Amino acid sequence: MTDTPLSILEARLEAQRRLLARLVAALEPGARQPVMDWLDQHDTLRDGQEDPGAVPTDDMGAALAVSEEFRLIARLVGDRLHEVEQGEG
């Protein structure tokens, strides 16, 4: 298997992130809110520490990346909803 350059993987991830955000934003508010609540509950690493990530361990890198990804998706959903509201006005 050929190694894929990191820049290509990052671009693919960004495309998927944007698509997910548009799909969530397109949901009816009653269906969207539980998804947004779920993203909100999972956008912070909860490991029992007062300051999560203050003492990094080797296995925390992936968990922190997942948390950051959820945060980015939620932000993109908010941005998309704002765009839609601006377009209606």
N, C-alpha and C. Protein backbone atom coordinates (compact mmCIF):
# COMPACT_ATOMS: atom_id res chain seq x y z
N MET A 1 0.84 -1.17 0.00
CA MET A 1 0.00 0.00 0.00
C MET A 1 0.89 1.25 0.00
N THR A 2 0.51 2.23 -0.75
CA THR A 2 1.28 3.46 -0.87
C THR A 2 0.97 4.38 0.31
N ASP A 3 2.00 5.02 0.81
CA ASP A 3 1.79 6.00 1.88
C ASP A 3 1.13 7.24 1.31
N THR A 4 0.07 7.70 1.97
CA THR A 4 -0.63 8.91 1.55
C THR A 4 0.00 10.09 2.28
N PRO A 5 0.34 11.14 1.53
CA PRO A 5 0.93 12.31 2.19
C PRO A 5 -0.02 12.88 3.26
N LEU A 6 0.57 13.37 4.31
CA LEU A 6 -0.20 13.93 5.41
C LEU A 6 -1.14 15.05 4.94
N SER A 7 -0.70 15.87 4.01
CA SER A 7 -1.54 16.97 3.53
C SER A 7 -2.81 16.44 2.86
N ILE A 8 -2.72 15.32 2.18
CA ILE A 8 -3.90 14.72 1.54
C ILE A 8 -4.85 14.20 2.60
N LEU A 9 -4.33 13.54 3.62
CA LEU A 9 -5.17 13.03 4.71
C LEU A 9 -5.86 14.18 5.44
N GLU A 10 -5.14 15.27 5.68
CA GLU A 10 -5.72 16.43 6.34
C GLU A 10 -6.84 17.05 5.49
N ALA A 11 -6.63 17.12 4.19
CA ALA A 11 -7.66 17.67 3.30
C ALA A 11 -8.90 16.79 3.30
N ARG A 12 -8.71 15.48 3.29
CA ARG A 12 -9.84 14.57 3.33
C ARG A 12 -10.61 14.70 4.64
N LEU A 13 -9.88 14.81 5.74
CA LEU A 13 -10.52 14.98 7.04
C LEU A 13 -11.33 16.27 7.07
N GLU A 14 -10.77 17.34 6.54
CA GLU A 14 -11.48 18.62 6.50
C GLU A 14 -12.76 18.51 5.67
N ALA A 15 -12.70 17.81 4.55
CA ALA A 15 -13.89 17.62 3.71
C ALA A 15 -14.97 16.85 4.48
N GLN A 16 -14.57 15.81 5.17
CA GLN A 16 -15.53 15.03 5.94
C GLN A 16 -16.12 15.84 7.08
N ARG A 17 -15.29 16.64 7.74
CA ARG A 17 -15.73 17.49 8.83
C ARG A 17 -16.79 18.49 8.33
N ARG A 18 -16.52 19.11 7.19
CA ARG A 18 -17.46 20.08 6.63
C ARG A 18 -18.77 19.42 6.21
N LEU A 19 -18.68 18.23 5.63
CA LEU A 19 -19.89 17.52 5.23
C LEU A 19 -20.73 17.16 6.46
N LEU A 20 -20.09 16.64 7.50
CA LEU A 20 -20.82 16.31 8.73
C LEU A 20 -21.50 17.54 9.31
N ALA A 21 -20.81 18.65 9.33
CA ALA A 21 -21.38 19.88 9.88
C ALA A 21 -22.60 20.31 9.07
N ARG A 22 -22.52 20.22 7.75
CA ARG A 22 -23.67 20.60 6.91
C ARG A 22 -24.84 19.66 7.14
N LEU A 23 -24.57 18.38 7.29
CA LEU A 23 -25.65 17.42 7.54
C LEU A 23 -26.33 17.70 8.87
N VAL A 24 -25.55 17.95 9.90
CA VAL A 24 -26.13 18.25 11.21
C VAL A 24 -26.92 19.56 11.14
N ALA A 25 -26.37 20.57 10.49
CA ALA A 25 -27.05 21.86 10.38
C ALA A 25 -28.35 21.75 9.60
N ALA A 26 -28.42 20.80 8.66
CA ALA A 26 -29.61 20.64 7.83
C ALA A 26 -30.74 19.92 8.56
N LEU A 27 -30.45 19.32 9.69
CA LEU A 27 -31.49 18.62 10.45
C LEU A 27 -32.51 19.61 10.99
N GLU A 28 -33.73 19.14 11.17
CA GLU A 28 -34.74 19.93 11.86
C GLU A 28 -34.25 20.21 13.28
N PRO A 29 -34.59 21.36 13.86
CA PRO A 29 -34.09 21.69 15.20
C PRO A 29 -34.29 20.59 16.24
N GLY A 30 -35.42 19.92 16.21
CA GLY A 30 -35.67 18.86 17.19
C GLY A 30 -34.75 17.67 17.05
N ALA A 31 -34.29 17.41 15.83
CA ALA A 31 -33.35 16.33 15.60
C ALA A 31 -31.91 16.80 15.76
N ARG A 32 -31.66 18.08 15.48
CA ARG A 32 -30.31 18.63 15.57
C ARG A 32 -29.85 18.77 17.02
N GLN A 33 -30.74 19.20 17.90
CA GLN A 33 -30.33 19.51 19.26
C GLN A 33 -29.71 18.33 20.00
N PRO A 34 -30.28 17.12 19.90
CA PRO A 34 -29.62 16.00 20.58
C PRO A 34 -28.21 15.73 20.05
N VAL A 35 -28.00 15.94 18.76
CA VAL A 35 -26.65 15.76 18.20
C VAL A 35 -25.71 16.81 18.75
N MET A 36 -26.18 18.07 18.80
CA MET A 36 -25.34 19.14 19.33
C MET A 36 -25.05 18.92 20.82
N ASP A 37 -26.05 18.45 21.55
CA ASP A 37 -25.84 18.14 22.97
C ASP A 37 -24.78 17.05 23.13
N TRP A 38 -24.87 16.04 22.27
CA TRP A 38 -23.90 14.95 22.32
C TRP A 38 -22.50 15.46 22.03
N LEU A 39 -22.38 16.29 20.98
CA LEU A 39 -21.07 16.87 20.66
C LEU A 39 -20.54 17.68 21.83
N ASP A 40 -21.42 18.46 22.45
CA ASP A 40 -21.02 19.28 23.58
C ASP A 40 -20.53 18.43 24.75
N GLN A 41 -21.16 17.30 24.96
CA GLN A 41 -20.76 16.41 26.06
C GLN A 41 -19.44 15.70 25.79
N HIS A 42 -19.07 15.61 24.52
CA HIS A 42 -17.87 14.87 24.17
C HIS A 42 -16.74 15.74 23.64
N ASP A 43 -16.88 17.06 23.74
CA ASP A 43 -15.82 17.92 23.21
C ASP A 43 -14.74 18.23 24.24
N THR A 44 -14.88 17.69 25.43
CA THR A 44 -13.87 17.87 26.46
C THR A 44 -13.49 16.52 27.03
N LEU A 45 -12.21 16.27 27.09
CA LEU A 45 -11.73 15.01 27.65
C LEU A 45 -12.05 14.98 29.13
N ARG A 46 -12.78 13.97 29.55
CA ARG A 46 -13.14 13.83 30.96
C ARG A 46 -12.39 12.63 31.53
N ASP A 47 -11.32 12.95 32.23
CA ASP A 47 -10.50 11.88 32.78
C ASP A 47 -10.39 11.96 34.30
N GLY A 48 -11.23 12.76 34.92
CA GLY A 48 -11.22 12.86 36.37
C GLY A 48 -10.25 13.89 36.91
N GLN A 49 -9.45 14.49 36.06
CA GLN A 49 -8.51 15.51 36.52
C GLN A 49 -9.20 16.87 36.55
N GLU A 50 -8.72 17.73 37.42
CA GLU A 50 -9.25 19.09 37.46
C GLU A 50 -8.94 19.82 36.16
N ASP A 51 -7.77 19.58 35.61
CA ASP A 51 -7.35 20.21 34.37
C ASP A 51 -6.97 19.11 33.39
N PRO A 52 -7.96 18.62 32.62
CA PRO A 52 -7.66 17.52 31.69
C PRO A 52 -6.52 17.88 30.75
N GLY A 53 -5.63 16.96 30.60
CA GLY A 53 -4.49 17.17 29.72
C GLY A 53 -3.33 17.89 30.37
N ALA A 54 -3.48 18.27 31.64
CA ALA A 54 -2.40 18.99 32.32
C ALA A 54 -1.16 18.12 32.45
N VAL A 55 -1.36 16.83 32.64
CA VAL A 55 -0.26 15.89 32.72
C VAL A 55 -0.46 14.88 31.59
N PRO A 56 0.05 15.20 30.41
CA PRO A 56 -0.20 14.33 29.27
C PRO A 56 0.45 12.95 29.42
N THR A 57 -0.25 11.98 28.93
CA THR A 57 0.29 10.63 28.87
C THR A 57 0.28 10.19 27.42
N ASP A 58 0.99 9.13 27.13
CA ASP A 58 1.11 8.68 25.74
C ASP A 58 -0.24 8.36 25.12
N ASP A 59 -1.17 7.79 25.89
CA ASP A 59 -2.44 7.36 25.32
C ASP A 59 -3.48 8.49 25.25
N MET A 60 -3.15 9.67 25.73
CA MET A 60 -4.11 10.78 25.71
C MET A 60 -4.16 11.49 24.37
N GLY A 61 -3.15 11.34 23.55
CA GLY A 61 -3.10 12.06 22.28
C GLY A 61 -4.32 11.80 21.41
N ALA A 62 -4.68 10.55 21.26
CA ALA A 62 -5.85 10.21 20.42
C ALA A 62 -7.13 10.74 21.05
N ALA A 63 -7.27 10.61 22.35
CA ALA A 63 -8.48 11.09 23.02
C ALA A 63 -8.62 12.60 22.90
N LEU A 64 -7.51 13.31 23.03
CA LEU A 64 -7.54 14.76 22.86
C LEU A 64 -7.89 15.14 21.42
N ALA A 65 -7.40 14.37 20.46
CA ALA A 65 -7.72 14.64 19.06
C ALA A 65 -9.20 14.44 18.79
N VAL A 66 -9.79 13.41 19.37
CA VAL A 66 -11.23 13.16 19.20
C VAL A 66 -12.02 14.32 19.80
N SER A 67 -11.66 14.75 20.99
CA SER A 67 -12.34 15.87 21.63
C SER A 67 -12.26 17.12 20.77
N GLU A 68 -11.08 17.39 20.25
CA GLU A 68 -10.90 18.57 19.40
C GLU A 68 -11.73 18.45 18.12
N GLU A 69 -11.81 17.26 17.57
CA GLU A 69 -12.60 17.07 16.35
C GLU A 69 -14.07 17.36 16.59
N PHE A 70 -14.61 16.88 17.71
CA PHE A 70 -16.01 17.16 18.05
C PHE A 70 -16.23 18.66 18.23
N ARG A 71 -15.27 19.33 18.83
CA ARG A 71 -15.38 20.78 19.04
C ARG A 71 -15.39 21.50 17.70
N LEU A 72 -14.53 21.08 16.78
CA LEU A 72 -14.47 21.70 15.46
C LEU A 72 -15.76 21.48 14.68
N ILE A 73 -16.31 20.28 14.76
CA ILE A 73 -17.56 19.99 14.05
C ILE A 73 -18.68 20.86 14.61
N ALA A 74 -18.78 20.95 15.92
CA ALA A 74 -19.83 21.77 16.54
C ALA A 74 -19.68 23.23 16.12
N ARG A 75 -18.46 23.72 16.06
CA ARG A 75 -18.24 25.10 15.65
C ARG A 75 -18.67 25.30 14.19
N LEU A 76 -18.35 24.35 13.33
CA LEU A 76 -18.75 24.45 11.93
C LEU A 76 -20.27 24.41 11.77
N VAL A 77 -20.94 23.60 12.60
CA VAL A 77 -22.41 23.57 12.57
C VAL A 77 -22.94 24.96 12.93
N GLY A 78 -22.41 25.54 13.98
CA GLY A 78 -22.83 26.88 14.39
C GLY A 78 -22.59 27.90 13.29
N ASP A 79 -21.44 27.81 12.64
CA ASP A 79 -21.13 28.73 11.54
C ASP A 79 -22.12 28.55 10.40
N ARG A 80 -22.43 27.31 10.07
CA ARG A 80 -23.37 27.03 8.98
C ARG A 80 -24.76 27.56 9.32
N LEU A 81 -25.21 27.35 10.55
CA LEU A 81 -26.52 27.85 10.95
C LEU A 81 -26.56 29.37 10.88
N HIS A 82 -25.46 30.01 11.24
CA HIS A 82 -25.38 31.48 11.17
C HIS A 82 -25.47 31.93 9.70
N GLU A 83 -24.78 31.22 8.80
CA GLU A 83 -24.83 31.55 7.37
C GLU A 83 -26.27 31.46 6.87
N VAL A 84 -26.97 30.40 7.27
CA VAL A 84 -28.35 30.20 6.82
C VAL A 84 -29.23 31.32 7.34
N GLU A 85 -29.07 31.69 8.61
CA GLU A 85 -29.85 32.77 9.19
C GLU A 85 -29.58 34.10 8.46
N GLN A 86 -28.33 34.35 8.13
CA GLN A 86 -27.98 35.59 7.43
C GLN A 86 -28.58 35.62 6.02
N GLY A 87 -28.66 34.45 5.40
CA GLY A 87 -29.22 34.36 4.07
C GLY A 87 -30.73 34.58 4.04
N GLU A 88 -31.39 34.26 5.17
CA GLU A 88 -32.83 34.43 5.24
C GLU A 88 -33.22 35.86 5.51
N GLY A 89 -32.31 36.65 6.10
CA GLY A 89 -32.61 38.02 6.51
C GLY A 89 -32.50 39.05 5.48
